[in-house]
Amino acid sequence: MEYPIKTMENVTLEDLGITAVSEDAFTLTIKGYSHRLTGEELITEMTDQLDVRGSVRNALLRKAQKEILAGLKRGPLRLGEEERESFDLNILIWFADKVLKGEHKSYLTE
């Protein structure tokens, strides 16, 4: 796989070096917090990010990073339902960006 990824045509989790454990899902770890994603969620988000202009994508990524750091500081388990949904979405946005750049493997949990 060549990075950065510029097209999602025929890209699979295996191509990305991600091993789905069960139900096409895998786990990633960020600063001690484990989060579970499905391959379908990830591939869809990566495709969506490639369809967005670079400046808009960078702005969304900066916002996602701020919200992730705030959520990790507060503690994901102490977030309300709506805050938790936003936190989970931001993890997906952030991780999809890491995968597109080829910077994701250190976050994967075996």
N, C-alpha and C. Protein backbone atom coordinates (compact mmCIF):
# COMPACT_ATOMS: atom_id res chain seq x y z
N MET A 1 0.85 -1.18 0.00
CA MET A 1 0.00 0.00 0.00
C MET A 1 0.89 1.24 0.00
N GLU A 2 0.57 2.17 -0.87
CA GLU A 2 1.32 3.43 -0.94
C GLU A 2 0.60 4.51 -0.14
N TYR A 3 1.37 5.23 0.66
CA TYR A 3 0.81 6.32 1.47
C TYR A 3 1.42 7.63 1.02
N PRO A 4 0.70 8.74 1.11
CA PRO A 4 -0.69 8.82 1.53
C PRO A 4 -1.63 8.24 0.48
N ILE A 5 -2.73 7.71 0.97
CA ILE A 5 -3.72 7.11 0.10
C ILE A 5 -4.48 8.24 -0.60
N LYS A 6 -4.62 8.12 -1.91
CA LYS A 6 -5.31 9.15 -2.68
C LYS A 6 -6.64 8.67 -3.25
N THR A 7 -6.84 7.36 -3.30
CA THR A 7 -8.10 6.79 -3.77
C THR A 7 -8.42 5.54 -2.96
N MET A 8 -9.69 5.33 -2.71
CA MET A 8 -10.11 4.18 -1.91
C MET A 8 -10.60 3.04 -2.78
N GLU A 9 -10.30 3.07 -4.05
CA GLU A 9 -10.74 2.04 -4.97
C GLU A 9 -10.16 0.68 -4.58
N ASN A 10 -11.03 -0.25 -4.23
CA ASN A 10 -10.65 -1.63 -3.89
C ASN A 10 -9.73 -1.75 -2.68
N VAL A 11 -9.73 -0.80 -1.77
CA VAL A 11 -8.91 -0.88 -0.56
C VAL A 11 -9.66 -1.69 0.49
N THR A 12 -8.96 -2.65 1.11
CA THR A 12 -9.55 -3.47 2.17
C THR A 12 -8.76 -3.28 3.45
N LEU A 13 -9.30 -3.80 4.55
CA LEU A 13 -8.59 -3.73 5.83
C LEU A 13 -7.24 -4.45 5.74
N GLU A 14 -7.22 -5.57 5.05
CA GLU A 14 -5.97 -6.32 4.90
C GLU A 14 -4.92 -5.49 4.19
N ASP A 15 -5.32 -4.72 3.17
CA ASP A 15 -4.38 -3.84 2.47
C ASP A 15 -3.76 -2.82 3.42
N LEU A 16 -4.53 -2.43 4.43
CA LEU A 16 -4.09 -1.41 5.38
C LEU A 16 -3.29 -2.00 6.54
N GLY A 17 -3.19 -3.32 6.58
CA GLY A 17 -2.47 -3.97 7.67
C GLY A 17 -3.28 -4.06 8.94
N ILE A 18 -4.60 -4.01 8.81
CA ILE A 18 -5.50 -4.07 9.97
C ILE A 18 -6.18 -5.43 9.98
N THR A 19 -6.08 -6.11 11.10
CA THR A 19 -6.70 -7.42 11.24
C THR A 19 -7.97 -7.29 12.06
N ALA A 20 -9.09 -7.59 11.44
CA ALA A 20 -10.37 -7.58 12.14
C ALA A 20 -10.46 -8.85 12.99
N VAL A 21 -10.87 -8.68 14.23
CA VAL A 21 -10.92 -9.81 15.15
C VAL A 21 -12.25 -10.52 15.06
N SER A 22 -13.32 -9.81 15.32
CA SER A 22 -14.65 -10.42 15.24
C SER A 22 -15.63 -9.41 14.68
N GLU A 23 -16.61 -9.92 13.93
CA GLU A 23 -17.64 -9.08 13.34
C GLU A 23 -17.03 -7.92 12.54
N ASP A 24 -15.91 -8.17 11.85
CA ASP A 24 -15.24 -7.17 11.04
C ASP A 24 -14.82 -5.95 11.87
N ALA A 25 -14.54 -6.15 13.15
CA ALA A 25 -14.16 -5.05 14.04
C ALA A 25 -12.72 -5.23 14.52
N PHE A 26 -12.14 -4.12 14.90
CA PHE A 26 -10.78 -4.12 15.44
C PHE A 26 -10.72 -3.06 16.54
N THR A 27 -9.67 -3.11 17.34
CA THR A 27 -9.51 -2.20 18.45
C THR A 27 -8.26 -1.36 18.27
N LEU A 28 -8.38 -0.08 18.62
CA LEU A 28 -7.22 0.80 18.62
C LEU A 28 -7.10 1.42 20.01
N THR A 29 -5.90 1.83 20.36
CA THR A 29 -5.65 2.40 21.68
C THR A 29 -5.01 3.76 21.54
N ILE A 30 -5.59 4.73 22.25
CA ILE A 30 -5.07 6.10 22.27
C ILE A 30 -4.88 6.50 23.72
N LYS A 31 -3.66 6.74 24.11
CA LYS A 31 -3.34 7.18 25.47
C LYS A 31 -4.04 6.34 26.53
N GLY A 32 -4.00 5.04 26.38
CA GLY A 32 -4.58 4.13 27.36
C GLY A 32 -6.06 3.85 27.18
N TYR A 33 -6.71 4.54 26.27
CA TYR A 33 -8.13 4.33 26.01
C TYR A 33 -8.28 3.42 24.80
N SER A 34 -9.02 2.33 24.95
CA SER A 34 -9.27 1.39 23.85
C SER A 34 -10.61 1.70 23.21
N HIS A 35 -10.61 1.70 21.89
CA HIS A 35 -11.82 2.02 21.13
C HIS A 35 -12.00 0.98 20.03
N ARG A 36 -13.21 0.55 19.82
CA ARG A 36 -13.51 -0.48 18.82
C ARG A 36 -14.19 0.16 17.61
N LEU A 37 -13.70 -0.18 16.43
CA LEU A 37 -14.27 0.30 15.17
C LEU A 37 -14.52 -0.89 14.25
N THR A 38 -15.44 -0.72 13.33
CA THR A 38 -15.63 -1.74 12.30
C THR A 38 -14.89 -1.30 11.05
N GLY A 39 -14.54 -2.27 10.24
CA GLY A 39 -13.87 -1.98 8.99
C GLY A 39 -14.74 -1.13 8.08
N GLU A 40 -16.03 -1.39 8.08
CA GLU A 40 -16.96 -0.64 7.23
C GLU A 40 -16.98 0.84 7.62
N GLU A 41 -17.02 1.11 8.93
CA GLU A 41 -16.99 2.50 9.40
C GLU A 41 -15.72 3.21 8.92
N LEU A 42 -14.61 2.53 9.08
CA LEU A 42 -13.32 3.12 8.72
C LEU A 42 -13.23 3.40 7.23
N ILE A 43 -13.55 2.42 6.41
CA ILE A 43 -13.46 2.58 4.96
C ILE A 43 -14.39 3.70 4.49
N THR A 44 -15.60 3.76 5.04
CA THR A 44 -16.55 4.81 4.67
C THR A 44 -16.02 6.18 5.04
N GLU A 45 -15.46 6.32 6.24
CA GLU A 45 -14.92 7.62 6.67
C GLU A 45 -13.72 8.02 5.83
N MET A 46 -12.87 7.08 5.50
CA MET A 46 -11.71 7.39 4.67
C MET A 46 -12.16 7.89 3.30
N THR A 47 -13.16 7.23 2.73
CA THR A 47 -13.70 7.64 1.44
C THR A 47 -14.29 9.05 1.53
N ASP A 48 -15.04 9.31 2.60
CA ASP A 48 -15.63 10.63 2.80
C ASP A 48 -14.55 11.71 2.92
N GLN A 49 -13.48 11.41 3.64
CA GLN A 49 -12.41 12.39 3.82
C GLN A 49 -11.72 12.71 2.50
N LEU A 50 -11.56 11.73 1.65
CA LEU A 50 -10.93 11.98 0.36
C LEU A 50 -11.81 12.81 -0.56
N ASP A 51 -13.12 12.82 -0.30
CA ASP A 51 -14.05 13.61 -1.10
C ASP A 51 -14.13 15.07 -0.66
N VAL A 52 -13.52 15.41 0.46
CA VAL A 52 -13.58 16.77 1.02
C VAL A 52 -12.30 17.52 0.68
N ARG A 53 -12.45 18.80 0.39
CA ARG A 53 -11.29 19.64 0.11
C ARG A 53 -10.30 19.62 1.28
N GLY A 54 -9.03 19.73 0.99
CA GLY A 54 -7.98 19.64 2.00
C GLY A 54 -8.12 20.61 3.15
N SER A 55 -8.47 21.86 2.88
CA SER A 55 -8.57 22.85 3.95
C SER A 55 -9.73 22.52 4.89
N VAL A 56 -10.84 22.06 4.34
CA VAL A 56 -12.00 21.68 5.16
C VAL A 56 -11.64 20.45 5.99
N ARG A 57 -10.98 19.51 5.37
CA ARG A 57 -10.57 18.29 6.06
C ARG A 57 -9.63 18.60 7.23
N ASN A 58 -8.69 19.51 7.00
CA ASN A 58 -7.76 19.90 8.07
C ASN A 58 -8.48 20.58 9.22
N ALA A 59 -9.47 21.41 8.91
CA ALA A 59 -10.25 22.08 9.96
C ALA A 59 -11.03 21.06 10.78
N LEU A 60 -11.66 20.10 10.10
CA LEU A 60 -12.40 19.05 10.80
C LEU A 60 -11.47 18.22 11.68
N LEU A 61 -10.29 17.96 11.18
CA LEU A 61 -9.33 17.16 11.94
C LEU A 61 -8.86 17.91 13.19
N ARG A 62 -8.59 19.21 13.07
CA ARG A 62 -8.19 20.01 14.24
C ARG A 62 -9.28 19.99 15.30
N LYS A 63 -10.54 20.16 14.87
CA LYS A 63 -11.67 20.13 15.80
C LYS A 63 -11.77 18.76 16.47
N ALA A 64 -11.62 17.70 15.69
CA ALA A 64 -11.70 16.34 16.23
C ALA A 64 -10.61 16.11 17.27
N GLN A 65 -9.39 16.56 16.97
CA GLN A 65 -8.28 16.37 17.91
C GLN A 65 -8.54 17.08 19.23
N LYS A 66 -9.08 18.31 19.17
CA LYS A 66 -9.39 19.05 20.40
C LYS A 66 -10.43 18.32 21.23
N GLU A 67 -11.47 17.83 20.56
CA GLU A 67 -12.54 17.15 21.28
C GLU A 67 -12.08 15.81 21.85
N ILE A 68 -11.20 15.13 21.15
CA ILE A 68 -10.66 13.86 21.66
C ILE A 68 -9.83 14.12 22.91
N LEU A 69 -8.95 15.10 22.84
CA LEU A 69 -8.12 15.42 24.00
C LEU A 69 -8.97 15.82 25.20
N ALA A 70 -10.01 16.62 24.97
CA ALA A 70 -10.91 17.01 26.06
C ALA A 70 -11.64 15.79 26.63
N GLY A 71 -12.09 14.90 25.75
CA GLY A 71 -12.79 13.69 26.19
C GLY A 71 -11.88 12.75 26.97
N LEU A 72 -10.63 12.62 26.51
CA LEU A 72 -9.68 11.76 27.22
C LEU A 72 -9.34 12.35 28.58
N LYS A 73 -9.22 13.66 28.63
CA LYS A 73 -8.90 14.33 29.91
C LYS A 73 -10.04 14.15 30.91
N ARG A 74 -11.26 14.31 30.43
CA ARG A 74 -12.43 14.16 31.30
C ARG A 74 -12.68 12.70 31.67
N GLY A 75 -12.40 11.83 30.72
CA GLY A 75 -12.65 10.40 30.92
C GLY A 75 -13.83 9.97 30.09
N PRO A 76 -13.61 9.17 29.05
CA PRO A 76 -14.70 8.76 28.16
C PRO A 76 -15.90 8.13 28.87
N LEU A 77 -15.65 7.45 29.96
CA LEU A 77 -16.76 6.79 30.67
C LEU A 77 -17.63 7.79 31.44
N ARG A 78 -17.12 9.00 31.65
CA ARG A 78 -17.88 10.02 32.38
C ARG A 78 -18.63 10.96 31.44
N LEU A 79 -18.54 10.73 30.14
CA LEU A 79 -19.23 11.57 29.17
C LEU A 79 -20.71 11.18 29.10
N GLY A 80 -21.56 12.17 28.87
CA GLY A 80 -22.97 11.90 28.65
C GLY A 80 -23.16 11.19 27.31
N GLU A 81 -24.37 10.73 27.05
CA GLU A 81 -24.63 9.95 25.83
C GLU A 81 -24.30 10.75 24.56
N GLU A 82 -24.76 11.99 24.49
CA GLU A 82 -24.51 12.82 23.32
C GLU A 82 -23.02 13.15 23.19
N GLU A 83 -22.38 13.45 24.30
CA GLU A 83 -20.94 13.74 24.29
C GLU A 83 -20.15 12.51 23.86
N ARG A 84 -20.60 11.35 24.30
CA ARG A 84 -19.92 10.10 23.96
C ARG A 84 -20.04 9.80 22.46
N GLU A 85 -21.21 10.06 21.88
CA GLU A 85 -21.39 9.86 20.45
C GLU A 85 -20.46 10.78 19.66
N SER A 86 -20.35 12.02 20.10
CA SER A 86 -19.46 12.98 19.45
C SER A 86 -18.00 12.53 19.59
N PHE A 87 -17.65 12.07 20.78
CA PHE A 87 -16.29 11.59 21.05
C PHE A 87 -15.96 10.41 20.13
N ASP A 88 -16.88 9.45 20.02
CA ASP A 88 -16.67 8.28 19.17
C ASP A 88 -16.50 8.68 17.71
N LEU A 89 -17.33 9.62 17.24
CA LEU A 89 -17.22 10.09 15.86
C LEU A 89 -15.87 10.77 15.61
N ASN A 90 -15.43 11.55 16.58
CA ASN A 90 -14.14 12.24 16.43
C ASN A 90 -12.97 11.26 16.43
N ILE A 91 -13.07 10.18 17.19
CA ILE A 91 -12.05 9.13 17.15
C ILE A 91 -11.99 8.55 15.74
N LEU A 92 -13.15 8.28 15.16
CA LEU A 92 -13.22 7.74 13.80
C LEU A 92 -12.59 8.70 12.79
N ILE A 93 -12.93 9.97 12.87
CA ILE A 93 -12.38 10.98 11.96
C ILE A 93 -10.86 11.03 12.09
N TRP A 94 -10.38 11.10 13.31
CA TRP A 94 -8.94 11.20 13.57
C TRP A 94 -8.20 9.95 13.08
N PHE A 95 -8.75 8.77 13.38
CA PHE A 95 -8.07 7.54 13.00
C PHE A 95 -8.07 7.35 11.49
N ALA A 96 -9.17 7.70 10.83
CA ALA A 96 -9.22 7.59 9.36
C ALA A 96 -8.13 8.45 8.74
N ASP A 97 -7.90 9.64 9.29
CA ASP A 97 -6.83 10.50 8.80
C ASP A 97 -5.47 9.83 8.99
N LYS A 98 -5.27 9.22 10.14
CA LYS A 98 -4.00 8.53 10.41
C LYS A 98 -3.79 7.39 9.41
N VAL A 99 -4.84 6.66 9.10
CA VAL A 99 -4.73 5.55 8.16
C VAL A 99 -4.40 6.08 6.76
N LEU A 100 -5.07 7.14 6.34
CA LEU A 100 -4.81 7.71 5.03
C LEU A 100 -3.34 8.13 4.87
N LYS A 101 -2.74 8.55 5.98
CA LYS A 101 -1.34 8.98 5.95
C LYS A 101 -0.36 7.83 6.21
N GLY A 102 -0.88 6.67 6.61
CA GLY A 102 -0.03 5.54 6.92
C GLY A 102 0.59 5.60 8.30
N GLU A 103 -0.02 6.36 9.20
CA GLU A 103 0.51 6.56 10.56
C GLU A 103 -0.33 5.85 11.61
N HIS A 104 -0.99 4.78 11.25
CA HIS A 104 -1.99 4.14 12.11
C HIS A 104 -1.53 2.90 12.86
N LYS A 105 -0.52 2.25 12.42
CA LYS A 105 -0.18 0.92 12.96
C LYS A 105 0.17 0.94 14.44
N SER A 106 0.78 2.01 14.92
CA SER A 106 1.15 2.06 16.34
C SER A 106 -0.06 2.16 17.26
N TYR A 107 -1.23 2.49 16.73
CA TYR A 107 -2.43 2.62 17.54
C TYR A 107 -3.27 1.33 17.57
N LEU A 108 -2.93 0.38 16.74
CA LEU A 108 -3.70 -0.87 16.67
C LEU A 108 -3.37 -1.78 17.83
N THR A 109 -4.39 -2.42 18.38
CA THR A 109 -4.24 -3.37 19.45
C THR A 109 -4.31 -4.77 18.84
N GLU A 110 -3.38 -5.60 19.18
CA GLU A 110 -3.37 -6.97 18.63
C GLU A 110 -4.46 -7.80 19.28
